[in-house]
Amino acid sequence: MDVEPEHNVPEPSTQQELVFARLQPESDLEERLVRQIVLCSVKLEHMEMLLAKAKEQLYKVLEEAREAPPF
């Protein structure tokens, strides 16, 4: 189950090396599973970052709306 990397998602190379060292996959299947786990983890971190930015923007817009004079 290969998945194409999304745009603007950091490469999982360093994290992948750490997980490989910790889990020490012994077969091709295990290695592919570790790669998928790392890719999912990297994508999740990226989505969390995007959600945090969206939250900041939302709070900023809400604050600006509160400070704006009523029509």
N, C-alpha and C. Protein backbone atom coordinates (compact mmCIF):
# COMPACT_ATOMS: atom_id res chain seq x y z
N MET A 1 0.84 -1.18 0.00
CA MET A 1 0.00 0.00 0.00
C MET A 1 0.89 1.24 0.00
N ASP A 2 1.37 1.60 -1.14
CA ASP A 2 2.21 2.79 -1.26
C ASP A 2 1.32 4.01 -1.36
N VAL A 3 1.76 5.08 -0.69
CA VAL A 3 1.01 6.33 -0.69
C VAL A 3 1.94 7.41 -1.20
N GLU A 4 1.44 8.23 -2.11
CA GLU A 4 2.26 9.33 -2.61
C GLU A 4 2.38 10.40 -1.53
N PRO A 5 3.57 10.98 -1.34
CA PRO A 5 3.72 12.03 -0.34
C PRO A 5 2.95 13.28 -0.74
N GLU A 6 2.36 13.93 0.25
CA GLU A 6 1.62 15.16 -0.01
C GLU A 6 2.60 16.32 -0.15
N HIS A 7 2.14 17.37 -0.81
CA HIS A 7 2.98 18.56 -0.96
C HIS A 7 3.14 19.24 0.39
N ASN A 8 4.30 19.83 0.63
CA ASN A 8 4.62 20.58 1.84
C ASN A 8 4.70 19.72 3.09
N VAL A 9 4.76 18.39 2.94
CA VAL A 9 4.93 17.51 4.09
C VAL A 9 6.41 17.19 4.20
N PRO A 10 7.00 17.39 5.39
CA PRO A 10 8.43 17.13 5.53
C PRO A 10 8.77 15.66 5.25
N GLU A 11 9.98 15.42 4.82
CA GLU A 11 10.44 14.07 4.53
C GLU A 11 10.65 13.32 5.85
N PRO A 12 10.28 12.06 5.87
CA PRO A 12 10.38 11.29 7.12
C PRO A 12 11.74 10.64 7.35
N SER A 13 12.77 11.02 6.61
CA SER A 13 14.04 10.29 6.64
C SER A 13 14.65 10.16 8.03
N THR A 14 14.79 11.24 8.77
CA THR A 14 15.42 11.18 10.09
C THR A 14 14.55 10.38 11.06
N GLN A 15 13.28 10.67 11.05
CA GLN A 15 12.36 9.95 11.94
C GLN A 15 12.33 8.46 11.57
N GLN A 16 12.39 8.19 10.28
CA GLN A 16 12.38 6.80 9.83
C GLN A 16 13.61 6.07 10.33
N GLU A 17 14.75 6.71 10.27
CA GLU A 17 15.98 6.09 10.77
C GLU A 17 15.87 5.75 12.25
N LEU A 18 15.29 6.66 13.03
CA LEU A 18 15.13 6.42 14.46
C LEU A 18 14.19 5.25 14.73
N VAL A 19 13.08 5.20 14.00
CA VAL A 19 12.12 4.11 14.20
C VAL A 19 12.73 2.79 13.74
N PHE A 20 13.46 2.80 12.62
CA PHE A 20 14.12 1.57 12.15
C PHE A 20 15.10 1.07 13.21
N ALA A 21 15.86 1.98 13.80
CA ALA A 21 16.84 1.58 14.80
C ALA A 21 16.15 1.00 16.03
N ARG A 22 15.01 1.58 16.40
CA ARG A 22 14.30 1.13 17.59
C ARG A 22 13.57 -0.19 17.35
N LEU A 23 12.91 -0.33 16.20
CA LEU A 23 12.10 -1.52 15.94
C LEU A 23 12.87 -2.66 15.27
N GLN A 24 13.93 -2.33 14.56
CA GLN A 24 14.78 -3.31 13.88
C GLN A 24 13.95 -4.31 13.06
N PRO A 25 13.31 -3.85 12.00
CA PRO A 25 12.50 -4.76 11.18
C PRO A 25 13.37 -5.87 10.58
N GLU A 26 12.83 -7.08 10.59
CA GLU A 26 13.61 -8.24 10.14
C GLU A 26 13.18 -8.77 8.78
N SER A 27 12.07 -8.28 8.25
CA SER A 27 11.63 -8.76 6.95
C SER A 27 11.20 -7.57 6.10
N ASP A 28 11.01 -7.82 4.82
CA ASP A 28 10.55 -6.76 3.92
C ASP A 28 9.18 -6.24 4.34
N LEU A 29 8.32 -7.14 4.76
CA LEU A 29 6.98 -6.75 5.19
C LEU A 29 7.06 -5.83 6.42
N GLU A 30 7.88 -6.20 7.39
CA GLU A 30 8.05 -5.37 8.58
C GLU A 30 8.64 -4.01 8.21
N GLU A 31 9.59 -4.01 7.29
CA GLU A 31 10.21 -2.76 6.87
C GLU A 31 9.19 -1.84 6.19
N ARG A 32 8.35 -2.41 5.33
CA ARG A 32 7.31 -1.61 4.68
C ARG A 32 6.31 -1.08 5.70
N LEU A 33 5.98 -1.89 6.69
CA LEU A 33 5.07 -1.45 7.74
C LEU A 33 5.68 -0.29 8.54
N VAL A 34 6.95 -0.38 8.86
CA VAL A 34 7.63 0.70 9.59
C VAL A 34 7.63 1.97 8.74
N ARG A 35 7.88 1.84 7.45
CA ARG A 35 7.87 3.01 6.56
C ARG A 35 6.49 3.67 6.56
N GLN A 36 5.43 2.87 6.51
CA GLN A 36 4.07 3.41 6.52
C GLN A 36 3.75 4.09 7.85
N ILE A 37 4.20 3.49 8.95
CA ILE A 37 3.99 4.09 10.27
C ILE A 37 4.67 5.44 10.35
N VAL A 38 5.89 5.52 9.88
CA VAL A 38 6.65 6.78 9.91
C VAL A 38 5.97 7.81 9.02
N LEU A 39 5.56 7.41 7.83
CA LEU A 39 4.90 8.33 6.91
C LEU A 39 3.62 8.87 7.53
N CYS A 40 2.83 8.00 8.15
CA CYS A 40 1.60 8.44 8.81
C CYS A 40 1.91 9.40 9.97
N SER A 41 2.95 9.10 10.71
CA SER A 41 3.34 9.96 11.83
C SER A 41 3.75 11.34 11.34
N VAL A 42 4.53 11.39 10.26
CA VAL A 42 4.97 12.67 9.71
C VAL A 42 3.78 13.46 9.19
N LYS A 43 2.87 12.78 8.51
CA LYS A 43 1.67 13.46 8.00
C LYS A 43 0.81 13.98 9.14
N LEU A 44 0.69 13.20 10.21
CA LEU A 44 -0.09 13.63 11.37
C LEU A 44 0.52 14.88 12.00
N GLU A 45 1.83 14.90 12.16
CA GLU A 45 2.50 16.08 12.71
C GLU A 45 2.25 17.30 11.82
N HIS A 46 2.30 17.09 10.52
CA HIS A 46 2.07 18.20 9.58
C HIS A 46 0.63 18.72 9.71
N MET A 47 -0.33 17.79 9.81
CA MET A 47 -1.73 18.20 9.96
C MET A 47 -1.95 18.93 11.28
N GLU A 48 -1.29 18.47 12.34
CA GLU A 48 -1.40 19.15 13.63
C GLU A 48 -0.88 20.58 13.54
N MET A 49 0.23 20.76 12.81
CA MET A 49 0.79 22.09 12.62
C MET A 49 -0.18 22.98 11.85
N LEU A 50 -0.78 22.43 10.78
CA LEU A 50 -1.74 23.20 10.00
C LEU A 50 -2.98 23.56 10.83
N LEU A 51 -3.44 22.63 11.65
CA LEU A 51 -4.59 22.91 12.52
C LEU A 51 -4.26 23.98 13.54
N ALA A 52 -3.05 23.97 14.08
CA ALA A 52 -2.65 24.99 15.04
C ALA A 52 -2.62 26.37 14.37
N LYS A 53 -2.12 26.43 13.13
CA LYS A 53 -2.12 27.70 12.40
C LYS A 53 -3.54 28.17 12.13
N ALA A 54 -4.41 27.24 11.74
CA ALA A 54 -5.81 27.59 11.46
C ALA A 54 -6.49 28.10 12.73
N LYS A 55 -6.19 27.48 13.86
CA LYS A 55 -6.76 27.91 15.13
C LYS A 55 -6.33 29.34 15.46
N GLU A 56 -5.04 29.61 15.28
CA GLU A 56 -4.54 30.96 15.52
C GLU A 56 -5.24 31.98 14.63
N GLN A 57 -5.38 31.64 13.36
CA GLN A 57 -6.04 32.54 12.42
C GLN A 57 -7.51 32.76 12.80
N LEU A 58 -8.18 31.70 13.22
CA LEU A 58 -9.58 31.81 13.61
C LEU A 58 -9.72 32.73 14.82
N TYR A 59 -8.88 32.53 15.83
CA TYR A 59 -8.95 33.39 17.01
C TYR A 59 -8.64 34.85 16.66
N LYS A 60 -7.71 35.05 15.74
CA LYS A 60 -7.38 36.41 15.32
C LYS A 60 -8.58 37.06 14.64
N VAL A 61 -9.24 36.33 13.74
CA VAL A 61 -10.41 36.86 13.05
C VAL A 61 -11.54 37.14 14.03
N LEU A 62 -11.75 36.23 14.98
CA LEU A 62 -12.80 36.44 15.98
C LEU A 62 -12.52 37.67 16.85
N GLU A 63 -11.26 37.83 17.21
CA GLU A 63 -10.88 39.00 18.02
C GLU A 63 -11.08 40.28 17.23
N GLU A 64 -10.69 40.28 15.97
CA GLU A 64 -10.89 41.45 15.12
C GLU A 64 -12.38 41.76 14.95
N ALA A 65 -13.19 40.73 14.85
CA ALA A 65 -14.64 40.92 14.70
C ALA A 65 -15.24 41.52 15.97
N ARG A 66 -14.72 41.13 17.11
CA ARG A 66 -15.21 41.68 18.39
C ARG A 66 -14.84 43.17 18.52
N GLU A 67 -13.65 43.50 18.04
CA GLU A 67 -13.17 44.88 18.16
C GLU A 67 -13.75 45.81 17.11
N ALA A 68 -14.29 45.25 16.03
CA ALA A 68 -14.84 46.08 14.95
C ALA A 68 -16.15 46.73 15.40
N PRO A 69 -16.34 47.99 14.99
CA PRO A 69 -17.59 48.65 15.36
C PRO A 69 -18.79 47.98 14.68
N PRO A 70 -19.94 47.94 15.34
CA PRO A 70 -21.12 47.33 14.73
C PRO A 70 -21.61 48.17 13.54
N PHE A 71 -22.25 47.52 12.63
CA PHE A 71 -22.74 48.20 11.43
C PHE A 71 -23.95 49.04 11.72
